[in-house]
Amino acid sequence: MEINGIEYEEIPRNQVVSKTGRMALMLAGFAAMGYMGSSAKSQDILKGIDIVKEFELIQQKKSKQTKRVRDAVIYAFNKSFRPVPIY
C-alpha cells in the first residue's frame, strides 16, 4: 500500500528476529507500555478507528484526534507495517 508517496508492506507475524533486534523490540515495548499504559487500554482507544486512514491523516497533519490517540495509531501502524526498502 502507498501512503503519502511511501510504499508500505505488512510485517509477517512469524518473522524471525535476531537477538539484538529482539532486545530492541522488547525495550521499545516497555517504553510504549510505560508511555501509553497497558495494551488493553490502547486497544480501547483505537476501537472504531481505521489505523491506515488515520495514519495517513497524521502524516498529512490533518488528523483531528487527540495526541494520545495519534500516538496509539502510530504505534499500532508501525507494529503492523514497515516501509518497503528501495533497492
N, C-alpha and C. Protein backbone atom coordinates (compact mmCIF):
# COMPACT_ATOMS: atom_id res chain seq x y z
N MET A 1 0.85 -1.18 0.00
CA MET A 1 0.00 0.00 0.00
C MET A 1 0.89 1.24 0.00
N GLU A 2 0.40 2.29 -0.55
CA GLU A 2 1.16 3.53 -0.60
C GLU A 2 0.45 4.60 0.22
N ILE A 3 1.21 5.26 1.08
CA ILE A 3 0.69 6.35 1.90
C ILE A 3 1.62 7.53 1.74
N ASN A 4 1.09 8.61 1.21
CA ASN A 4 1.84 9.85 1.01
C ASN A 4 3.17 9.62 0.29
N GLY A 5 3.14 8.80 -0.75
CA GLY A 5 4.32 8.57 -1.58
C GLY A 5 5.30 7.53 -1.05
N ILE A 6 5.01 6.90 0.07
CA ILE A 6 5.88 5.87 0.64
C ILE A 6 5.14 4.54 0.59
N GLU A 7 5.80 3.54 0.03
CA GLU A 7 5.23 2.20 -0.09
C GLU A 7 5.44 1.43 1.22
N TYR A 8 4.39 0.83 1.75
CA TYR A 8 4.46 0.06 2.99
C TYR A 8 4.05 -1.38 2.72
N GLU A 9 4.62 -2.30 3.51
CA GLU A 9 4.23 -3.70 3.43
C GLU A 9 3.90 -4.20 4.84
N GLU A 10 3.04 -5.22 4.90
CA GLU A 10 2.68 -5.77 6.20
C GLU A 10 3.84 -6.60 6.73
N ILE A 11 4.10 -6.49 8.02
CA ILE A 11 5.17 -7.25 8.65
C ILE A 11 4.64 -8.65 8.93
N PRO A 12 5.33 -9.69 8.44
CA PRO A 12 4.87 -11.06 8.71
C PRO A 12 4.89 -11.35 10.21
N ARG A 13 3.88 -12.03 10.69
CA ARG A 13 3.77 -12.34 12.12
C ARG A 13 4.83 -13.33 12.59
N ASN A 14 5.27 -14.22 11.71
CA ASN A 14 6.22 -15.26 12.11
C ASN A 14 7.66 -14.91 11.72
N GLN A 15 7.94 -13.64 11.56
CA GLN A 15 9.27 -13.21 11.14
C GLN A 15 10.28 -13.49 12.25
N VAL A 16 11.42 -14.03 11.86
CA VAL A 16 12.49 -14.33 12.81
C VAL A 16 13.23 -13.04 13.13
N VAL A 17 13.42 -12.78 14.42
CA VAL A 17 14.10 -11.56 14.86
C VAL A 17 15.41 -11.96 15.52
N SER A 18 16.50 -11.25 15.17
CA SER A 18 17.79 -11.54 15.77
C SER A 18 17.76 -11.22 17.26
N LYS A 19 18.78 -11.70 17.97
CA LYS A 19 18.84 -11.47 19.41
C LYS A 19 18.88 -9.97 19.72
N THR A 20 19.67 -9.22 18.96
CA THR A 20 19.77 -7.77 19.15
C THR A 20 18.43 -7.10 18.83
N GLY A 21 17.82 -7.52 17.72
CA GLY A 21 16.53 -6.95 17.33
C GLY A 21 15.45 -7.26 18.34
N ARG A 22 15.48 -8.47 18.91
CA ARG A 22 14.51 -8.87 19.91
C ARG A 22 14.62 -7.97 21.14
N MET A 23 15.86 -7.69 21.55
CA MET A 23 16.09 -6.83 22.71
C MET A 23 15.57 -5.42 22.43
N ALA A 24 15.83 -4.90 21.23
CA ALA A 24 15.36 -3.57 20.87
C ALA A 24 13.83 -3.51 20.88
N LEU A 25 13.19 -4.57 20.34
CA LEU A 25 11.73 -4.61 20.34
C LEU A 25 11.18 -4.67 21.76
N MET A 26 11.84 -5.45 22.61
CA MET A 26 11.39 -5.57 23.99
C MET A 26 11.49 -4.23 24.71
N LEU A 27 12.61 -3.54 24.52
CA LEU A 27 12.79 -2.23 25.17
C LEU A 27 11.79 -1.21 24.64
N ALA A 28 11.55 -1.24 23.32
CA ALA A 28 10.57 -0.33 22.73
C ALA A 28 9.17 -0.63 23.28
N GLY A 29 8.86 -1.92 23.46
CA GLY A 29 7.57 -2.31 24.01
C GLY A 29 7.40 -1.82 25.43
N PHE A 30 8.47 -1.96 26.25
CA PHE A 30 8.40 -1.48 27.62
C PHE A 30 8.21 0.03 27.66
N ALA A 31 8.91 0.74 26.79
CA ALA A 31 8.78 2.20 26.75
C ALA A 31 7.36 2.59 26.35
N ALA A 32 6.81 1.90 25.34
CA ALA A 32 5.45 2.22 24.89
C ALA A 32 4.43 1.90 25.97
N MET A 33 4.63 0.79 26.69
CA MET A 33 3.69 0.43 27.76
C MET A 33 3.72 1.48 28.86
N GLY A 34 4.91 1.96 29.19
CA GLY A 34 5.02 2.98 30.22
C GLY A 34 4.41 4.29 29.77
N TYR A 35 4.51 4.57 28.50
CA TYR A 35 4.00 5.83 27.97
C TYR A 35 2.49 5.77 27.75
N MET A 36 2.01 4.65 27.19
CA MET A 36 0.61 4.57 26.81
C MET A 36 -0.23 3.76 27.78
N GLY A 37 0.37 3.09 28.74
CA GLY A 37 -0.39 2.24 29.63
C GLY A 37 -0.43 0.83 29.06
N SER A 38 -1.35 0.01 29.52
CA SER A 38 -1.41 -1.36 29.05
C SER A 38 -1.94 -1.43 27.62
N SER A 39 -1.66 -2.55 26.96
CA SER A 39 -2.11 -2.71 25.58
C SER A 39 -3.64 -2.77 25.51
N ALA A 40 -4.29 -3.24 26.56
CA ALA A 40 -5.75 -3.27 26.56
C ALA A 40 -6.31 -1.86 26.48
N LYS A 41 -5.69 -0.92 27.19
CA LYS A 41 -6.14 0.47 27.14
C LYS A 41 -5.93 1.04 25.74
N SER A 42 -4.77 0.76 25.12
CA SER A 42 -4.51 1.30 23.80
C SER A 42 -5.45 0.69 22.76
N GLN A 43 -5.85 -0.58 22.96
CA GLN A 43 -6.80 -1.19 22.04
C GLN A 43 -8.18 -0.54 22.19
N ASP A 44 -8.55 -0.17 23.41
CA ASP A 44 -9.82 0.51 23.62
C ASP A 44 -9.81 1.88 22.95
N ILE A 45 -8.67 2.55 23.00
CA ILE A 45 -8.55 3.87 22.38
C ILE A 45 -8.76 3.77 20.87
N LEU A 46 -8.26 2.69 20.27
CA LEU A 46 -8.31 2.54 18.82
C LEU A 46 -9.59 1.90 18.31
N LYS A 47 -10.51 1.59 19.20
CA LYS A 47 -11.75 0.94 18.79
C LYS A 47 -12.51 1.83 17.81
N GLY A 48 -12.81 1.28 16.64
CA GLY A 48 -13.57 2.01 15.63
C GLY A 48 -12.73 2.93 14.76
N ILE A 49 -11.40 2.90 14.90
CA ILE A 49 -10.52 3.76 14.11
C ILE A 49 -9.78 2.91 13.09
N ASP A 50 -9.83 3.32 11.83
CA ASP A 50 -9.06 2.66 10.77
C ASP A 50 -7.63 3.21 10.86
N ILE A 51 -6.69 2.38 11.35
CA ILE A 51 -5.34 2.89 11.62
C ILE A 51 -4.62 3.32 10.34
N VAL A 52 -4.93 2.68 9.21
CA VAL A 52 -4.26 3.06 7.95
C VAL A 52 -4.70 4.45 7.51
N LYS A 53 -6.00 4.68 7.50
CA LYS A 53 -6.51 6.00 7.09
C LYS A 53 -6.09 7.09 8.09
N GLU A 54 -6.16 6.76 9.37
CA GLU A 54 -5.78 7.75 10.39
C GLU A 54 -4.28 8.03 10.33
N PHE A 55 -3.46 7.00 10.06
CA PHE A 55 -2.02 7.20 9.92
C PHE A 55 -1.73 8.16 8.76
N GLU A 56 -2.45 7.98 7.66
CA GLU A 56 -2.29 8.88 6.51
C GLU A 56 -2.66 10.32 6.89
N LEU A 57 -3.75 10.50 7.63
CA LEU A 57 -4.14 11.84 8.08
C LEU A 57 -3.10 12.44 9.02
N ILE A 58 -2.53 11.61 9.88
CA ILE A 58 -1.49 12.10 10.80
C ILE A 58 -0.27 12.56 10.01
N GLN A 59 0.12 11.79 9.00
CA GLN A 59 1.27 12.16 8.18
C GLN A 59 1.02 13.48 7.44
N GLN A 60 -0.22 13.72 7.05
CA GLN A 60 -0.58 14.95 6.35
C GLN A 60 -0.89 16.10 7.32
N LYS A 61 -0.82 15.82 8.63
CA LYS A 61 -1.14 16.79 9.68
C LYS A 61 -2.59 17.28 9.58
N LYS A 62 -3.49 16.35 9.24
CA LYS A 62 -4.91 16.68 9.12
C LYS A 62 -5.77 15.90 10.11
N SER A 63 -5.14 15.15 11.00
CA SER A 63 -5.89 14.35 11.97
C SER A 63 -6.53 15.25 13.02
N LYS A 64 -7.73 14.89 13.41
CA LYS A 64 -8.45 15.65 14.43
C LYS A 64 -8.47 14.90 15.76
N GLN A 65 -7.67 13.83 15.87
CA GLN A 65 -7.62 13.03 17.09
C GLN A 65 -6.71 13.68 18.13
N THR A 66 -6.87 13.25 19.38
CA THR A 66 -6.00 13.76 20.45
C THR A 66 -4.60 13.18 20.28
N LYS A 67 -3.64 13.77 20.96
CA LYS A 67 -2.26 13.30 20.87
C LYS A 67 -2.16 11.85 21.33
N ARG A 68 -2.87 11.51 22.37
CA ARG A 68 -2.84 10.14 22.90
C ARG A 68 -3.32 9.14 21.84
N VAL A 69 -4.39 9.47 21.13
CA VAL A 69 -4.92 8.58 20.09
C VAL A 69 -3.95 8.55 18.91
N ARG A 70 -3.41 9.71 18.53
CA ARG A 70 -2.44 9.74 17.42
C ARG A 70 -1.23 8.88 17.73
N ASP A 71 -0.71 8.96 18.97
CA ASP A 71 0.44 8.15 19.37
C ASP A 71 0.09 6.66 19.30
N ALA A 72 -1.12 6.29 19.74
CA ALA A 72 -1.54 4.89 19.70
C ALA A 72 -1.67 4.40 18.26
N VAL A 73 -2.17 5.25 17.37
CA VAL A 73 -2.30 4.90 15.95
C VAL A 73 -0.93 4.68 15.34
N ILE A 74 -0.01 5.59 15.58
CA ILE A 74 1.35 5.46 15.03
C ILE A 74 2.02 4.19 15.54
N TYR A 75 1.87 3.91 16.84
CA TYR A 75 2.46 2.70 17.42
C TYR A 75 1.86 1.45 16.78
N ALA A 76 0.53 1.40 16.65
CA ALA A 76 -0.14 0.23 16.08
C ALA A 76 0.23 0.06 14.61
N PHE A 77 0.31 1.17 13.86
CA PHE A 77 0.66 1.09 12.45
C PHE A 77 2.09 0.57 12.28
N ASN A 78 3.03 1.13 13.03
CA ASN A 78 4.43 0.72 12.92
C ASN A 78 4.66 -0.71 13.40
N LYS A 79 3.78 -1.21 14.25
CA LYS A 79 3.86 -2.58 14.72
C LYS A 79 3.40 -3.55 13.63
N SER A 80 2.53 -3.09 12.72
CA SER A 80 1.96 -3.96 11.70
C SER A 80 2.54 -3.75 10.30
N PHE A 81 3.09 -2.58 10.03
CA PHE A 81 3.58 -2.26 8.69
C PHE A 81 4.97 -1.66 8.74
N ARG A 82 5.71 -1.80 7.64
CA ARG A 82 7.04 -1.20 7.52
C ARG A 82 7.21 -0.67 6.10
N PRO A 83 8.06 0.35 5.94
CA PRO A 83 8.32 0.86 4.59
C PRO A 83 9.02 -0.20 3.74
N VAL A 84 8.66 -0.28 2.48
CA VAL A 84 9.32 -1.21 1.57
C VAL A 84 10.69 -0.63 1.21
N PRO A 85 11.76 -1.41 1.38
CA PRO A 85 13.09 -0.89 1.04
C PRO A 85 13.21 -0.65 -0.46
N ILE A 86 13.92 0.42 -0.80
CA ILE A 86 14.15 0.76 -2.21
C ILE A 86 15.54 0.24 -2.56
N TYR A 87 15.60 -0.58 -3.60
CA TYR A 87 16.89 -1.16 -3.99
C TYR A 87 17.49 -0.42 -5.14
